[in-house]
């Protein structure tokens, strides 16, 4: 199992700290560094900085939000980043959630499957340097109506280094996960539980089979919040606030994908209590509402003695690439992770 690192955005980590963690991951020989994107820090700009300050580590957009960019703009950014990094880019896409899509980008959160499929088709055509002549339900290029009528099929002038840039989908629902198995090169779920891996990956495997693909065609790469401490309770307390942010703050009371996932894990009451306290402004109470059992299902809180067993649980669950968001003493955690990574990703 390979190990990558996902960088937290401000105010959790300021830019100098993010760059330092990325450089350290590069020095340790970890597989990849991934940059998240919400409604604060923009992923493409930071990936450009990482391309200039790292040498060999893979660079992942984890994830670029579909409502933020036209697909051809995403393809241009990807080709530029791949050239800047010497062919190290991995593209992650996702639709975000209704609050961000509609509240920040002004894009309706509808037709998740159709919009995702069309978006990826256009991105891949563009990265193949083919003239874009596409007529779909959600995107039509060139513009057929409403303009001057002078648009024509255009192709990307500067191709990427890689013949095929891997595209990952950051999704967790059954239908969207099934689609990832059909059309993506990788799948990056969040709050993935190794104990529930069979249920979580079943739709992915169905999609792979339906598309006539092999399991090896799709990289299973969950994002997991992690901390390492000599005291397990201290490690849990480090990751608890960030898990609470997702259960409580990444969605509305009526629509929160992560609460729905906790319900599937059999921990609905704790997740609902966390969400209620968070929405009421009690962040400390929200974090305290997450019991240790739920926390250990969705996060990687470990001691030096238990880290190996926890990582092996992910490997047994079929994880190919574990993307870790380091909290607390990141230097200690990254160094420990490097000793457990697969030979291709282990420190020299």
Protein backbone atom coordinates (compact mmCIF):
# COMPACT_ATOMS: atom_id res chain seq x y z
CA UNK A 1 0.00 0.00 0.00
CA UNK A 2 1.32 3.39 -0.99
CA UNK A 3 0.94 6.40 1.32
CA UNK A 4 0.25 9.98 0.31
CA UNK A 5 -0.33 13.21 2.20
CA UNK A 6 -3.22 15.67 1.98
CA UNK A 7 -2.55 19.25 3.04
CA UNK A 8 -4.97 21.08 5.31
CA UNK A 9 -5.96 24.56 4.23
CA UNK A 10 -5.90 27.71 6.38
CA UNK A 11 -6.61 28.34 9.18
CA UNK A 12 -5.56 24.79 10.06
CA UNK A 13 -2.27 25.09 8.16
CA UNK A 14 -0.86 28.28 6.71
CA UNK A 15 0.92 28.26 3.37
CA UNK A 16 4.51 27.98 4.70
CA UNK A 17 3.52 24.95 6.76
CA UNK A 18 1.81 23.33 3.78
CA UNK A 19 4.90 23.81 1.65
CA UNK A 20 7.13 22.41 4.39
CA UNK A 21 5.00 19.27 4.76
CA UNK A 22 5.02 18.75 0.99
CA UNK A 23 8.80 19.08 0.83
CA UNK A 24 9.18 16.63 3.72
CA UNK A 25 6.90 14.10 2.02
CA UNK A 26 9.06 14.49 -1.08
CA UNK A 27 12.26 13.90 0.92
CA UNK A 28 10.79 10.82 2.62
CA UNK A 29 9.81 9.26 -0.68
CA UNK A 30 6.08 9.18 0.02
CA UNK A 31 3.84 8.56 -2.97
CA UNK A 32 2.03 11.86 -3.40
CA UNK A 33 0.90 15.19 -1.95
CA UNK A 34 -2.74 16.21 -2.43
CA UNK A 35 -4.25 19.69 -2.29
CA UNK A 36 -7.89 20.10 -1.21
CA UNK A 37 -10.15 22.86 -2.43
CA UNK A 38 -13.18 24.35 -0.73
CA UNK A 39 -14.33 27.94 -0.67
CA UNK A 40 -11.07 29.35 0.61
CA UNK A 41 -7.75 28.14 -0.75
CA UNK A 42 -7.61 27.44 -4.48
CA UNK A 43 -5.94 24.18 -5.51
CA UNK A 44 -4.34 25.06 -8.85
CA UNK A 45 -2.22 27.92 -7.52
CA UNK A 46 -0.85 25.83 -4.65
CA UNK A 47 -0.13 22.89 -6.95
CA UNK A 48 1.91 25.26 -9.10
CA UNK A 49 3.97 26.22 -6.06
CA UNK A 50 4.46 22.56 -5.17
CA UNK A 51 5.55 21.75 -8.69
CA UNK A 52 8.35 24.29 -8.28
CA UNK A 53 9.43 23.23 -4.77
CA UNK A 54 9.33 19.41 -4.93
CA UNK A 55 11.26 16.99 -7.11
CA UNK A 56 9.70 13.55 -7.32
CA UNK A 57 6.55 13.23 -5.23
CA UNK A 58 3.27 12.90 -7.13
CA UNK A 59 1.04 15.99 -7.03
CA UNK A 60 -2.69 15.47 -6.64
CA UNK A 61 -5.69 17.78 -6.88
CA UNK A 62 -7.76 16.38 -4.08
CA UNK A 63 -10.21 17.64 -5.13
CA UNK A 64 -10.83 20.30 -7.79
CA UNK A 65 -14.48 21.23 -7.66
CA UNK A 66 -16.49 20.73 -10.83
CA UNK A 67 -18.75 23.77 -10.31
CA UNK A 68 -15.69 26.03 -9.98
CA UNK A 69 -14.42 25.71 -13.57
CA UNK A 70 -15.50 24.97 -17.09
CA UNK A 71 -14.11 21.55 -18.07
CA UNK A 72 -11.81 23.05 -20.70
CA UNK A 73 -10.40 25.45 -18.09
CA UNK A 74 -9.72 22.48 -15.81
CA UNK A 75 -7.96 20.70 -18.67
CA UNK A 76 -5.78 23.75 -19.39
CA UNK A 77 -4.82 23.97 -15.73
CA UNK A 78 -4.06 20.25 -15.62
CA UNK A 79 -1.86 20.35 -18.71
CA UNK A 80 0.05 23.34 -17.36
CA UNK A 81 0.59 21.73 -13.96
CA UNK A 82 1.67 18.45 -15.54
CA UNK A 83 4.27 20.30 -17.59
CA UNK A 84 5.47 22.32 -14.61
CA UNK A 85 5.88 19.16 -12.53
CA UNK A 86 7.47 17.01 -15.21
CA UNK A 87 4.52 14.66 -15.48
CA UNK A 88 3.63 14.22 -11.80
CA UNK A 89 0.00 15.39 -11.77
CA UNK A 90 -3.06 13.42 -10.66
CA UNK A 91 -6.45 15.01 -11.14
CA UNK A 92 -9.17 14.67 -8.54
CA UNK A 93 -12.66 16.00 -9.22
CA UNK A 94 -15.89 16.24 -7.25
CA UNK A 95 -19.17 18.13 -7.26
CA UNK A 96 -18.72 19.44 -3.69
CA UNK A 97 -22.06 19.81 -1.85
CA UNK A 98 -25.20 21.85 -2.40
CA UNK A 99 -24.20 24.59 0.06
CA UNK A 100 -20.88 25.29 -1.69
CA UNK A 101 -22.02 24.60 -5.24
CA UNK A 102 -25.05 26.87 -5.02
CA UNK A 103 -23.90 29.29 -2.31
CA UNK A 104 -20.34 29.96 -3.47
CA UNK A 105 -20.26 29.09 -7.17
CA UNK A 106 -23.89 29.75 -8.04
CA UNK A 107 -24.20 26.40 -9.80
CA UNK A 108 -27.28 24.21 -9.17
CA UNK A 109 -26.46 20.99 -7.34
CA UNK A 110 -28.38 18.75 -9.70
CA UNK A 111 -27.82 15.82 -12.07
CA UNK A 112 -24.69 14.58 -10.28
CA UNK A 113 -24.10 11.57 -12.52
CA UNK A 114 -24.72 13.31 -15.83
CA UNK A 115 -22.69 16.40 -15.02
CA UNK A 116 -19.75 14.35 -13.77
CA UNK A 117 -19.73 12.07 -16.79
CA UNK A 118 -19.89 14.95 -19.29
CA UNK A 119 -17.23 16.91 -17.41
CA UNK A 120 -14.75 14.04 -17.45
CA UNK A 121 -15.44 13.29 -21.11
CA UNK A 122 -14.64 16.87 -22.09
CA UNK A 123 -11.55 17.04 -19.86
CA UNK A 124 -10.17 13.85 -21.37
CA UNK A 125 -10.87 14.99 -24.92
CA UNK A 126 -9.11 18.26 -24.22
CA UNK A 127 -6.08 16.58 -22.63
CA UNK A 128 -5.87 14.33 -25.70
CA UNK A 129 -5.51 17.57 -27.72
CA UNK A 130 -8.59 16.77 -29.76
CA UNK A 131 -10.79 19.57 -31.12
CA UNK A 132 -13.70 19.87 -28.69
CA UNK A 133 -16.98 19.32 -30.49
CA UNK A 134 -19.33 18.18 -27.75
CA UNK A 135 -23.06 18.37 -27.36
CA UNK A 136 -24.40 17.19 -24.04
CA UNK A 137 -27.17 18.05 -21.66
CA UNK A 138 -24.96 20.15 -19.39
CA UNK A 139 -22.14 21.36 -21.66
CA UNK A 140 -22.14 22.17 -25.34
CA UNK A 141 -18.93 23.19 -27.11
CA UNK A 142 -18.75 25.15 -29.33
CA UNK A 143 -21.70 27.21 -28.18
CA UNK A 144 -24.68 26.46 -30.43
CA UNK A 145 -27.13 29.11 -29.25
CA UNK A 146 -27.06 32.45 -27.47
CA UNK A 147 -23.79 33.81 -28.80
CA UNK A 148 -22.45 35.34 -31.98
CA UNK A 149 -22.36 32.00 -33.75
CA UNK A 150 -18.62 32.25 -34.38
CA UNK A 151 -17.41 29.50 -32.08
CA UNK A 152 -15.51 26.61 -33.63
CA UNK A 153 -13.99 23.39 -32.27
CA UNK A 154 -10.67 24.26 -30.63
CA UNK A 155 -7.93 21.96 -29.34
CA UNK A 156 -5.45 22.41 -26.52
CA UNK A 157 -2.21 23.95 -27.80
CA UNK A 158 0.13 22.74 -25.05
CA UNK A 159 -0.28 19.03 -24.24
CA UNK A 160 0.54 17.50 -20.85
CA UNK A 161 3.65 15.40 -20.32
CA UNK A 162 1.73 12.27 -19.41
CA UNK A 163 -0.05 10.40 -22.15
CA UNK A 164 -2.98 9.95 -19.76
CA UNK A 165 -3.26 11.99 -16.56
CA UNK A 166 -5.02 9.81 -13.94
CA UNK A 167 -8.44 11.15 -12.95
CA UNK A 168 -9.82 10.43 -9.49
CA UNK A 169 -13.35 11.04 -8.26
CA UNK A 170 -13.98 12.17 -4.68
CA UNK A 171 -17.41 10.63 -4.11
CA UNK A 172 -19.11 8.51 -1.45
CA UNK A 173 -22.70 7.81 -2.46
CA UNK A 174 -23.66 4.43 -3.90
CA UNK A 175 -24.55 5.74 -7.37
CA UNK A 176 -21.58 8.10 -7.63
CA UNK A 177 -19.20 5.40 -6.38
CA UNK A 178 -20.59 3.00 -8.97
CA UNK A 179 -19.94 5.65 -11.62
CA UNK A 180 -16.37 6.09 -10.37
CA UNK A 181 -15.82 2.40 -11.03
CA UNK A 182 -17.03 2.88 -14.58
CA UNK A 183 -15.20 6.04 -15.65
CA UNK A 184 -12.45 7.05 -13.19
CA UNK A 185 -8.85 5.96 -12.69
CA UNK A 186 -9.12 6.37 -8.93
CA UNK A 187 -11.63 6.72 -6.09
CA UNK A 188 -11.00 9.01 -3.09
CA UNK A 189 -13.73 8.59 -0.46
CA UNK A 190 -13.62 10.44 2.88
CA UNK A 191 -14.42 8.97 6.32
CA UNK A 192 -13.74 5.54 4.82
CA UNK A 193 -13.95 2.74 7.39
CA UNK A 194 -11.86 -0.41 6.79
CA UNK A 195 -14.36 -2.31 8.94
CA UNK A 196 -17.10 -1.45 6.42
CA UNK A 197 -14.95 -1.78 3.31
CA UNK A 198 -16.98 -4.59 1.77
CA UNK A 199 -20.15 -2.49 1.82
CA UNK A 200 -18.40 0.72 0.77
CA UNK A 201 -16.53 -0.79 -2.18
CA UNK A 202 -19.37 -2.98 -3.48
CA UNK A 203 -20.77 -0.23 -5.77
CA UNK A 204 -17.26 0.52 -7.04
CA UNK A 205 -16.73 -3.12 -7.98
CA UNK A 206 -20.15 -3.20 -9.65
CA UNK A 207 -19.19 -0.20 -11.76
CA UNK A 208 -15.86 -1.75 -12.70
CA UNK A 209 -17.56 -4.96 -13.77
CA UNK A 210 -20.30 -3.15 -15.68
CA UNK A 211 -17.70 -1.21 -17.67
CA UNK A 212 -15.74 -4.38 -18.48
CA UNK A 213 -12.73 -3.16 -16.55
CA UNK A 214 -10.35 -4.84 -14.10
CA UNK A 215 -10.06 -3.97 -10.43
CA UNK A 216 -6.46 -2.92 -11.12
CA UNK A 217 -7.77 -0.17 -13.41
CA UNK A 218 -9.05 1.85 -10.41
CA UNK A 219 -6.89 3.05 -7.51
CA UNK A 220 -8.73 2.92 -4.19
CA UNK A 221 -7.35 5.96 -2.36
CA UNK A 222 -9.33 7.07 0.70
CA UNK A 223 -8.56 10.30 2.52
CA UNK A 224 -8.07 9.79 6.26
CA UNK A 225 -7.42 12.29 9.06
CA UNK A 226 -4.49 11.07 11.16
CA UNK A 227 -2.46 11.81 14.28
CA UNK A 228 0.32 9.99 16.13
CA UNK A 229 0.97 10.30 19.87
CA UNK A 230 2.37 8.13 22.65
CA UNK A 231 -1.04 8.46 24.32
CA UNK A 232 -3.90 7.12 22.19
CA UNK A 233 -6.48 9.39 23.82
CA UNK A 234 -4.32 12.42 22.98
CA UNK A 235 -4.10 11.29 19.35
CA UNK A 236 -7.88 10.94 19.26
CA UNK A 237 -8.34 14.41 20.71
CA UNK A 238 -6.13 15.85 17.97
CA UNK A 239 -8.27 14.46 15.13
CA UNK A 240 -11.66 14.88 16.83
CA UNK A 241 -12.26 18.59 15.94
CA UNK A 242 -11.65 18.06 12.23
CA UNK A 243 -13.97 15.06 12.09
CA UNK A 244 -16.55 17.20 13.90
CA UNK A 245 -16.16 19.89 11.24
CA UNK A 246 -17.21 17.44 8.54
CA UNK A 247 -20.03 15.87 10.53
CA UNK A 248 -21.32 19.23 11.70
CA UNK A 249 -20.25 21.92 9.29
CA UNK A 250 -19.94 20.38 5.82
CA UNK A 251 -23.60 20.49 4.94
CA UNK A 252 -26.98 21.51 6.29
CA UNK A 253 -29.08 19.76 8.89
CA UNK A 254 -31.12 18.24 6.07
CA UNK A 255 -28.23 17.31 3.77
CA UNK A 256 -24.87 16.18 5.10
CA UNK A 257 -23.20 13.29 3.27
CA UNK A 258 -20.87 12.52 6.18
CA UNK A 259 -23.65 12.26 8.74
CA UNK A 260 -25.45 9.92 6.36
CA UNK A 261 -22.29 7.81 6.21
CA UNK A 262 -22.03 7.65 10.00
CA UNK A 263 -25.64 6.50 10.08
CA UNK A 264 -24.69 3.69 7.68
CA UNK A 265 -21.90 2.74 10.08
CA UNK A 266 -24.44 2.40 12.90
CA UNK A 267 -23.44 5.60 14.70
CA UNK A 268 -26.31 7.88 13.79
CA UNK A 269 -27.06 9.18 17.32
CA UNK A 270 -23.47 10.35 17.92
CA UNK A 271 -23.24 11.93 14.47
CA UNK A 272 -26.58 13.73 14.88
CA UNK A 273 -25.58 15.00 18.32
CA UNK A 274 -22.27 16.26 16.91
CA UNK A 275 -24.09 17.98 14.05
CA UNK A 276 -26.67 19.59 16.30
CA UNK A 277 -24.07 21.02 18.65
CA UNK A 278 -21.92 22.24 15.76
CA UNK A 279 -24.80 24.02 14.06
CA UNK A 280 -25.67 25.61 17.40
CA UNK A 281 -22.17 27.10 17.61
CA UNK A 282 -20.78 24.66 20.20
CA UNK A 283 -17.73 23.30 18.38
CA UNK A 284 -16.09 21.90 21.50
CA UNK A 285 -19.31 20.10 22.41
CA UNK A 286 -19.61 18.80 18.86
CA UNK A 287 -16.13 17.27 19.04
CA UNK A 288 -16.86 15.75 22.43
CA UNK A 289 -20.00 14.11 21.04
CA UNK A 290 -17.95 11.83 18.77
CA UNK A 291 -17.35 8.67 20.76
CA UNK A 292 -14.07 6.77 20.45
CA UNK A 293 -15.66 3.91 18.52
CA UNK A 294 -16.94 6.17 15.74
CA UNK A 295 -13.70 8.14 15.70
CA UNK A 296 -11.62 4.99 15.28
CA UNK A 297 -13.83 3.92 12.38
CA UNK A 298 -13.30 7.09 10.33
CA UNK A 299 -9.90 8.46 11.43
CA UNK A 300 -6.39 7.17 12.01
CA UNK A 301 -5.47 7.99 15.61
CA UNK A 302 -2.58 5.81 16.69
CA UNK A 303 0.44 5.33 18.89
CA UNK A 304 3.81 4.19 17.49
CA UNK A 305 2.90 0.69 18.67
CA UNK A 306 -0.54 0.56 17.03
CA UNK A 307 0.20 2.44 13.78
CA UNK A 308 1.35 -0.63 11.88
CA UNK A 309 -1.78 -2.61 12.74
CA UNK A 310 -4.02 0.29 11.77
CA UNK A 311 -2.30 0.66 8.41
CA UNK A 312 -2.53 -3.06 7.75
CA UNK A 313 -6.28 -2.84 8.32
CA UNK A 314 -6.55 -0.41 5.42
CA UNK A 315 -4.38 -2.64 3.27
CA UNK A 316 -6.54 -5.68 4.05
CA UNK A 317 -9.58 -3.58 3.13
CA UNK A 318 -8.25 -3.24 -0.42
CA UNK A 319 -6.75 0.25 -0.17
CA UNK A 320 -4.08 0.87 -2.80
CA UNK A 321 -3.13 4.41 -1.74
CA UNK A 322 -3.87 5.82 1.70
CA UNK A 323 -3.96 9.63 1.60
CA UNK A 324 -3.31 10.88 5.12
CA UNK A 325 -4.16 14.33 6.43
CA UNK A 326 -1.56 14.85 9.18
CA UNK A 327 -2.53 16.63 12.38
CA UNK A 328 -0.46 17.35 15.46
CA UNK A 329 3.24 16.46 15.16
CA UNK A 330 3.30 16.04 11.38
CA UNK A 331 7.06 15.41 11.21
CA UNK A 332 6.80 12.45 13.57
CA UNK A 333 3.76 11.07 11.75
CA UNK A 334 5.25 11.41 8.25
CA UNK A 335 8.50 9.76 9.31
CA UNK A 336 6.59 6.87 10.85
CA UNK A 337 4.37 6.50 7.79
CA UNK A 338 7.42 6.37 5.51
CA UNK A 339 8.72 3.32 7.37
CA UNK A 340 5.40 1.52 6.78
CA UNK A 341 4.86 2.50 3.13
CA UNK A 342 5.26 -0.04 0.35
CA UNK A 343 8.79 -0.42 -1.05
CA UNK A 344 8.01 1.88 -3.99
CA UNK A 345 7.02 4.65 -1.60
CA UNK A 346 9.29 3.98 1.37
CA UNK A 347 12.12 6.32 2.31
CA UNK A 348 15.48 5.42 0.87
